[in-house]
Amino acid sequence: MLKKLYIYTLKGCEVCENLKSKLNSMNIIYTELCCFDFGKKCDDIENQTGIDYYPIVNIETINNNNTVLCLASTHEEIEKTKQINPSTKLIYKHSINGLVDYIKIYYND
């Protein structure tokens, strides 16, 4: 079901490094888009989602339904889902482990 996994990161971001380390340890293949090198792509995902903190995960699926994952900035956001457009939903997770657990669902399909 997974087509492509993108991880948007910031240079020097410990949370971003933690996520990449966990994915690497599980041999999960992803494309990293560091905002230092891919500023336009990061601006695009920020404008699309309204999220301006990192990491941001974009899961593209074969049927062109995308899921964007981010860490919740408030307790009220945890596990909430927001439909961004007809083919993209945004899901707020409580932790890096929450992001990884969700990614594993798609990766192992």
C-alpha atoms as a PDB file:
ATOM      1  CA  MET A   1       0.000   0.000   0.000  1.00  0.00           C
ATOM      2  CA  LEU A   2       2.933   2.362   0.733  1.00  0.00           C
ATOM      3  CA  LYS A   3       4.246   4.159  -2.324  1.00  0.00           C
ATOM      4  CA  LYS A   4       6.724   6.616  -0.816  1.00  0.00           C
ATOM      5  CA  LEU A   5       7.662   7.862   2.639  1.00  0.00           C
ATOM      6  CA  TYR A   6       8.995  11.409   3.065  1.00  0.00           C
ATOM      7  CA  ILE A   7      10.430  12.794   6.284  1.00  0.00           C
ATOM      8  CA  TYR A   8      10.678  16.592   6.426  1.00  0.00           C
ATOM      9  CA  THR A   9      13.402  17.633   8.875  1.00  0.00           C
ATOM     10  CA  LEU A  10      15.352  20.582  10.223  1.00  0.00           C
ATOM     11  CA  LYS A  11      19.129  20.631  10.527  1.00  0.00           C
ATOM     12  CA  GLY A  12      20.162  20.018  14.148  1.00  0.00           C
ATOM     13  CA  CYS A  13      16.673  18.899  15.235  1.00  0.00           C
ATOM     14  CA  GLU A  14      17.063  16.193  17.905  1.00  0.00           C
ATOM     15  CA  VAL A  15      13.486  14.987  17.476  1.00  0.00           C
ATOM     16  CA  CYS A  16      14.069  14.615  13.712  1.00  0.00           C
ATOM     17  CA  GLU A  17      17.280  12.660  14.357  1.00  0.00           C
ATOM     18  CA  ASN A  18      15.450  10.420  16.822  1.00  0.00           C
ATOM     19  CA  LEU A  19      12.766   9.597  14.245  1.00  0.00           C
ATOM     20  CA  LYS A  20      15.338   8.851  11.522  1.00  0.00           C
ATOM     21  CA  SER A  21      17.335   6.657  13.918  1.00  0.00           C
ATOM     22  CA  LYS A  22      14.264   4.582  14.797  1.00  0.00           C
ATOM     23  CA  LEU A  23      13.285   4.168  11.127  1.00  0.00           C
ATOM     24  CA  ASN A  24      16.851   3.234  10.179  1.00  0.00           C
ATOM     25  CA  SER A  25      17.014   0.615  12.945  1.00  0.00           C
ATOM     26  CA  MET A  26      13.896  -1.019  11.463  1.00  0.00           C
ATOM     27  CA  ASN A  27      15.241  -0.801   7.886  1.00  0.00           C
ATOM     28  CA  ILE A  28      12.359   1.440   6.845  1.00  0.00           C
ATOM     29  CA  ILE A  29      13.232   3.251   3.640  1.00  0.00           C
ATOM     30  CA  TYR A  30      12.378   6.933   3.439  1.00  0.00           C
ATOM     31  CA  THR A  31      13.398  10.081   1.624  1.00  0.00           C
ATOM     32  CA  GLU A  32      14.606  12.858   3.883  1.00  0.00           C
ATOM     33  CA  LEU A  33      13.787  16.412   2.867  1.00  0.00           C
ATOM     34  CA  CYS A  34      15.874  18.716   5.072  1.00  0.00           C
ATOM     35  CA  CYS A  35      14.479  22.231   4.991  1.00  0.00           C
ATOM     36  CA  PHE A  36      18.000  23.642   4.677  1.00  0.00           C
ATOM     37  CA  ASP A  37      18.300  21.924   1.277  1.00  0.00           C
ATOM     38  CA  PHE A  38      14.626  21.689   0.266  1.00  0.00           C
ATOM     39  CA  GLY A  39      13.188  24.980   1.489  1.00  0.00           C
ATOM     40  CA  LYS A  40      10.467  25.169  -1.189  1.00  0.00           C
ATOM     41  CA  LYS A  41       9.203  21.641  -0.417  1.00  0.00           C
ATOM     42  CA  CYS A  42       9.118  22.453   3.299  1.00  0.00           C
ATOM     43  CA  ASP A  43       7.275  25.704   2.614  1.00  0.00           C
ATOM     44  CA  ASP A  44       4.773  23.750   0.515  1.00  0.00           C
ATOM     45  CA  ILE A  45       4.063  21.157   3.237  1.00  0.00           C
ATOM     46  CA  GLU A  46       3.776  23.941   5.843  1.00  0.00           C
ATOM     47  CA  ASN A  47       1.313  25.850   3.670  1.00  0.00           C
ATOM     48  CA  GLN A  48      -0.690  22.703   2.933  1.00  0.00           C
ATOM     49  CA  THR A  49      -0.923  21.580   6.563  1.00  0.00           C
ATOM     50  CA  GLY A  50      -0.571  24.723   8.628  1.00  0.00           C
ATOM     51  CA  ILE A  51       2.191  22.944  10.574  1.00  0.00           C
ATOM     52  CA  ASP A  52       5.508  24.759  10.996  1.00  0.00           C
ATOM     53  CA  TYR A  53       7.357  22.440  13.390  1.00  0.00           C
ATOM     54  CA  TYR A  54       9.270  19.288  12.595  1.00  0.00           C
ATOM     55  CA  PRO A  55       9.547  16.430  11.840  1.00  0.00           C
ATOM     56  CA  ILE A  56       6.657  16.124   9.416  1.00  0.00           C
ATOM     57  CA  VAL A  57       5.990  12.753   7.794  1.00  0.00           C
ATOM     58  CA  ASN A  58       4.214  12.351   4.459  1.00  0.00           C
ATOM     59  CA  ILE A  59       3.037   8.856   3.521  1.00  0.00           C
ATOM     60  CA  GLU A  60       2.062   8.523  -0.115  1.00  0.00           C
ATOM     61  CA  THR A  61       0.079   5.422  -0.984  1.00  0.00           C
ATOM     62  CA  ILE A  62      -0.486   3.588  -4.255  1.00  0.00           C
ATOM     63  CA  ASN A  63      -4.071   4.839  -4.464  1.00  0.00           C
ATOM     64  CA  ASN A  64      -2.829   8.460  -4.127  1.00  0.00           C
ATOM     65  CA  ASN A  65      -4.284   8.977  -0.674  1.00  0.00           C
ATOM     66  CA  ASN A  66      -1.714  10.770   1.439  1.00  0.00           C
ATOM     67  CA  THR A  67      -1.369  10.803   5.189  1.00  0.00           C
ATOM     68  CA  VAL A  68       0.647  13.539   6.832  1.00  0.00           C
ATOM     69  CA  LEU A  69       1.815  12.874  10.391  1.00  0.00           C
ATOM     70  CA  CYS A  70       3.131  15.370  12.902  1.00  0.00           C
ATOM     71  CA  LEU A  71       3.613  15.659  16.625  1.00  0.00           C
ATOM     72  CA  ALA A  72       0.758  17.234  18.522  1.00  0.00           C
ATOM     73  CA  SER A  73       1.607  20.642  19.963  1.00  0.00           C
ATOM     74  CA  THR A  74      -1.221  20.488  22.511  1.00  0.00           C
ATOM     75  CA  HIS A  75      -2.859  17.732  24.519  1.00  0.00           C
ATOM     76  CA  GLU A  76      -6.143  18.381  22.711  1.00  0.00           C
ATOM     77  CA  GLU A  77      -4.596  17.588  19.316  1.00  0.00           C
ATOM     78  CA  ILE A  78      -3.356  14.098  20.217  1.00  0.00           C
ATOM     79  CA  GLU A  79      -4.778  11.483  17.832  1.00  0.00           C
ATOM     80  CA  LYS A  80      -6.957  14.044  16.033  1.00  0.00           C
ATOM     81  CA  THR A  81      -7.395  13.754  12.284  1.00  0.00           C
ATOM     82  CA  LYS A  82      -7.961  16.681   9.943  1.00  0.00           C
ATOM     83  CA  GLN A  83      -8.887  16.317   6.267  1.00  0.00           C
ATOM     84  CA  ILE A  84      -6.626  18.778   4.424  1.00  0.00           C
ATOM     85  CA  ASN A  85      -8.036  18.088   0.967  1.00  0.00           C
ATOM     86  CA  PRO A  86      -9.932  15.184  -0.648  1.00  0.00           C
ATOM     87  CA  SER A  87      -6.804  13.017  -0.919  1.00  0.00           C
ATOM     88  CA  THR A  88      -4.785  14.095   2.141  1.00  0.00           C
ATOM     89  CA  LYS A  89      -5.417  13.772   5.849  1.00  0.00           C
ATOM     90  CA  LEU A  90      -3.326  15.107   8.737  1.00  0.00           C
ATOM     91  CA  ILE A  91      -2.945  13.060  11.905  1.00  0.00           C
ATOM     92  CA  TYR A  92      -1.440  14.398  15.120  1.00  0.00           C
ATOM     93  CA  LYS A  93       0.546  11.849  17.166  1.00  0.00           C
ATOM     94  CA  HIS A  94       1.694  12.120  20.774  1.00  0.00           C
ATOM     95  CA  SER A  95       5.318  11.000  20.332  1.00  0.00           C
ATOM     96  CA  ILE A  96       8.004   9.779  17.965  1.00  0.00           C
ATOM     97  CA  ASN A  97       6.968   6.236  18.862  1.00  0.00           C
ATOM     98  CA  GLY A  98       3.424   7.125  17.814  1.00  0.00           C
ATOM     99  CA  LEU A  99       4.729   8.325  14.435  1.00  0.00           C
ATOM    100  CA  VAL A 100       6.800   5.150  14.013  1.00  0.00           C
ATOM    101  CA  ASP A 101       3.915   2.857  14.964  1.00  0.00           C
ATOM    102  CA  TYR A 102       1.707   4.491  12.342  1.00  0.00           C
ATOM    103  CA  ILE A 103       4.433   4.313   9.683  1.00  0.00           C
ATOM    104  CA  LYS A 104       4.911   0.586  10.390  1.00  0.00           C
ATOM    105  CA  ILE A 105       1.260  -0.077   9.537  1.00  0.00           C
ATOM    106  CA  TYR A 106       1.796   1.218   5.998  1.00  0.00           C
ATOM    107  CA  TYR A 107       5.312  -0.092   5.609  1.00  0.00           C
ATOM    108  CA  ASN A 108       4.362  -3.664   6.470  1.00  0.00           C
ATOM    109  CA  ASP A 109       1.245  -3.741   4.258  1.00  0.00           C
END
